[in-house]
């Protein structure tokens, strides 16, 4: 089982970060952050966006890439890695943390961060302006998972890296498929 990173004083740096967020609970941020974190539930916002982009010819490659990266990140992170590592949630490890939501699955890596970065990076690869906006939302969702105390920072960072990797693989696959089976440049 993965444990938290100790700092030079023998304390747990990751828990210190989570206690910083936990100490902020009870402020106006709670409702905003809860809204943001729930946008990432089950990849809902990203699935919706990928379907939206699939319907528009200009964004079709991005939509396909987003959908493929979401499936890939789900298989790797939620089905495989979480069940291999089996890291407990921070609020289980440290009951003094005030978690604003309850999650029953394992903590490492963050599925919300993975899905968010998979979709956002996929969109960024094909459309920079729209992708930059999606990346801002992805970062907000990822940070929200620490604010609500259901993920350690390393869960979120690793989830973002897995999601980014899924996006890069998906974009390469989509590019290869469209180059092989799509219209030739001279036919457009």
Protein backbone atom coordinates (compact mmCIF):
# COMPACT_ATOMS: atom_id res chain seq x y z
CA UNK A 1 0.00 0.00 0.00
CA UNK A 2 1.28 3.46 -0.90
CA UNK A 3 1.83 5.82 2.01
CA UNK A 4 2.30 9.55 2.22
CA UNK A 5 5.60 11.35 1.71
CA UNK A 6 7.45 12.34 4.89
CA UNK A 7 9.04 15.78 5.09
CA UNK A 8 12.45 16.54 6.64
CA UNK A 9 10.89 16.96 10.10
CA UNK A 10 9.36 13.49 10.07
CA UNK A 11 5.86 14.86 9.42
CA UNK A 12 3.63 14.02 6.53
CA UNK A 13 3.87 16.79 3.96
CA UNK A 14 0.81 15.60 2.04
CA UNK A 15 -1.33 15.59 5.16
CA UNK A 16 -0.10 19.10 5.99
CA UNK A 17 -1.41 20.27 2.62
CA UNK A 18 -4.74 18.56 3.21
CA UNK A 19 -5.02 20.05 6.70
CA UNK A 20 -4.47 23.47 5.12
CA UNK A 21 -7.50 22.84 2.90
CA UNK A 22 -9.50 21.19 5.70
CA UNK A 23 -8.96 24.25 7.90
CA UNK A 24 -10.59 26.39 5.17
CA UNK A 25 -13.82 24.38 5.32
CA UNK A 26 -16.90 26.21 6.51
CA UNK A 27 -16.22 29.20 4.26
CA UNK A 28 -17.95 30.36 1.09
CA UNK A 29 -15.43 28.28 -0.89
CA UNK A 30 -17.15 25.05 0.12
CA UNK A 31 -20.15 25.41 -2.19
CA UNK A 32 -18.04 26.57 -5.11
CA UNK A 33 -15.52 23.76 -4.70
CA UNK A 34 -18.24 21.14 -4.21
CA UNK A 35 -19.83 22.27 -7.48
CA UNK A 36 -16.48 22.03 -9.24
CA UNK A 37 -15.61 18.62 -7.78
CA UNK A 38 -19.02 17.21 -8.75
CA UNK A 39 -18.48 18.35 -12.36
CA UNK A 40 -15.83 15.64 -12.48
CA UNK A 41 -18.02 12.89 -11.02
CA UNK A 42 -17.91 9.84 -13.32
CA UNK A 43 -16.24 12.04 -15.95
CA UNK A 44 -19.72 13.44 -16.68
CA UNK A 45 -18.70 16.91 -17.90
CA UNK A 46 -15.94 15.44 -20.06
CA UNK A 47 -18.17 12.77 -21.58
CA UNK A 48 -20.75 15.44 -22.36
CA UNK A 49 -18.12 17.68 -23.97
CA UNK A 50 -16.64 14.85 -26.02
CA UNK A 51 -20.12 13.96 -27.34
CA UNK A 52 -20.72 17.63 -28.14
CA UNK A 53 -17.44 17.84 -30.06
CA UNK A 54 -18.15 14.57 -31.88
CA UNK A 55 -21.24 16.18 -33.40
CA UNK A 56 -19.29 19.06 -34.97
CA UNK A 57 -17.09 18.34 -37.98
CA UNK A 58 -14.52 20.97 -36.98
CA UNK A 59 -14.03 19.31 -33.57
CA UNK A 60 -14.65 15.66 -34.50
CA UNK A 61 -11.03 14.52 -34.13
CA UNK A 62 -10.86 16.20 -30.74
CA UNK A 63 -14.14 14.56 -29.70
CA UNK A 64 -12.94 11.11 -30.75
CA UNK A 65 -9.61 11.68 -29.02
CA UNK A 66 -11.35 12.87 -25.84
CA UNK A 67 -13.67 9.85 -25.76
CA UNK A 68 -10.84 7.41 -26.42
CA UNK A 69 -8.61 8.99 -23.77
CA UNK A 70 -11.45 8.88 -21.22
CA UNK A 71 -11.95 5.16 -21.83
CA UNK A 72 -8.21 4.50 -21.71
CA UNK A 73 -7.69 6.49 -18.50
CA UNK A 74 -10.69 4.78 -16.86
CA UNK A 75 -9.33 1.31 -17.66
CA UNK A 76 -5.79 2.10 -16.53
CA UNK A 77 -6.58 4.21 -13.45
CA UNK A 78 -9.96 3.16 -12.07
CA UNK A 79 -9.93 -0.52 -12.95
CA UNK A 80 -6.23 -1.37 -12.82
CA UNK A 81 -3.94 0.93 -10.82
CA UNK A 82 -6.35 1.80 -7.99
CA UNK A 83 -6.93 -1.91 -7.33
CA UNK A 84 -3.23 -2.77 -7.51
CA UNK A 85 -2.04 0.00 -5.19
CA UNK A 86 -5.06 0.06 -2.82
CA UNK A 87 -4.15 3.33 -1.11
CA UNK A 88 -6.64 4.39 1.55
CA UNK A 89 -8.30 7.77 1.32
CA UNK A 90 -6.73 10.57 3.39
CA UNK A 91 -9.77 10.87 5.66
CA UNK A 92 -9.35 7.17 6.51
CA UNK A 93 -5.65 7.58 7.27
CA UNK A 94 -6.25 10.77 9.27
CA UNK A 95 -9.78 10.96 10.73
CA UNK A 96 -9.16 14.56 11.85
CA UNK A 97 -9.49 15.66 8.22
CA UNK A 98 -12.87 17.17 7.41
CA UNK A 99 -13.81 15.49 4.14
CA UNK A 100 -16.67 17.28 2.40
CA UNK A 101 -17.60 14.27 0.26
CA UNK A 102 -17.32 10.55 0.79
CA UNK A 103 -15.59 8.27 -1.66
CA UNK A 104 -15.58 4.53 -1.11
CA UNK A 105 -12.97 3.46 -3.66
CA UNK A 106 -9.21 3.64 -3.29
CA UNK A 107 -7.35 6.93 -3.45
CA UNK A 108 -4.37 6.44 -5.78
CA UNK A 109 -4.43 7.79 -8.42
CA UNK A 110 -7.23 10.32 -8.71
CA UNK A 111 -9.81 9.24 -11.27
CA UNK A 112 -11.22 12.78 -11.39
CA UNK A 113 -7.77 14.21 -12.22
CA UNK A 114 -7.06 11.46 -14.72
CA UNK A 115 -10.32 11.90 -16.61
CA UNK A 116 -10.08 15.68 -16.49
CA UNK A 117 -6.56 15.80 -17.88
CA UNK A 118 -7.27 13.04 -20.41
CA UNK A 119 -10.11 15.05 -21.92
CA UNK A 120 -8.60 18.52 -21.53
CA UNK A 121 -5.20 17.61 -22.96
CA UNK A 122 -6.92 15.76 -25.82
CA UNK A 123 -8.86 18.90 -26.67
CA UNK A 124 -5.74 21.06 -26.28
CA UNK A 125 -3.82 18.90 -28.75
CA UNK A 126 -6.38 19.58 -31.47
CA UNK A 127 -7.70 23.04 -30.50
CA UNK A 128 -5.42 25.20 -28.37
CA UNK A 129 -7.87 27.94 -27.33
CA UNK A 130 -10.69 25.62 -26.29
CA UNK A 131 -8.17 23.21 -24.81
CA UNK A 132 -6.63 25.93 -22.64
CA UNK A 133 -10.06 26.66 -21.14
CA UNK A 134 -10.57 22.92 -20.56
CA UNK A 135 -7.17 22.70 -18.86
CA UNK A 136 -8.18 25.45 -16.44
CA UNK A 137 -11.28 23.42 -15.54
CA UNK A 138 -9.18 20.24 -15.25
CA UNK A 139 -6.82 21.93 -12.79
CA UNK A 140 -9.78 23.26 -10.79
CA UNK A 141 -11.35 19.78 -10.59
CA UNK A 142 -8.01 18.22 -9.63
CA UNK A 143 -7.35 20.77 -6.86
CA UNK A 144 -10.93 20.42 -5.64
CA UNK A 145 -10.22 16.76 -4.85
CA UNK A 146 -7.61 17.85 -2.32
CA UNK A 147 -9.83 20.62 -0.93
CA UNK A 148 -12.60 18.11 -0.15
CA UNK A 149 -9.91 15.85 1.39
CA UNK A 150 -10.51 12.73 -0.68
CA UNK A 151 -7.10 12.70 -2.40
CA UNK A 152 -3.50 13.26 -1.47
CA UNK A 153 -1.50 15.64 -3.69
CA UNK A 154 0.42 12.68 -5.17
CA UNK A 155 -2.91 11.05 -6.11
CA UNK A 156 -3.90 14.15 -8.04
CA UNK A 157 -0.51 14.69 -9.70
CA UNK A 158 -0.26 11.04 -10.73
CA UNK A 159 -3.85 11.07 -12.00
CA UNK A 160 -3.06 14.14 -14.10
CA UNK A 161 0.02 12.39 -15.52
CA UNK A 162 -1.95 9.24 -16.36
CA UNK A 163 -4.64 11.37 -18.01
CA UNK A 164 -2.06 13.30 -20.01
CA UNK A 165 -0.46 10.04 -21.16
CA UNK A 166 -3.88 8.70 -22.18
CA UNK A 167 -4.49 11.90 -24.18
CA UNK A 168 -1.15 11.62 -25.98
CA UNK A 169 -1.76 7.97 -26.87
CA UNK A 170 -5.33 8.70 -27.99
CA UNK A 171 -4.28 11.65 -30.14
CA UNK A 172 -1.61 9.51 -31.82
CA UNK A 173 -4.17 6.77 -32.52
CA UNK A 174 -6.72 9.24 -33.90
CA UNK A 175 -4.09 10.92 -36.07
CA UNK A 176 -2.95 7.54 -37.40
CA UNK A 177 -6.52 6.46 -38.18
CA UNK A 178 -7.37 9.70 -39.96
CA UNK A 179 -4.13 9.64 -41.94
CA UNK A 180 -4.73 6.05 -43.00
CA UNK A 181 -8.49 6.11 -43.62
CA UNK A 182 -9.40 9.80 -43.84
CA UNK A 183 -9.48 12.00 -46.90
CA UNK A 184 -6.15 12.74 -48.50
CA UNK A 185 -5.06 16.38 -48.33
CA UNK A 186 -5.42 16.66 -52.10
CA UNK A 187 -9.06 15.51 -51.86
CA UNK A 188 -10.11 18.16 -49.32
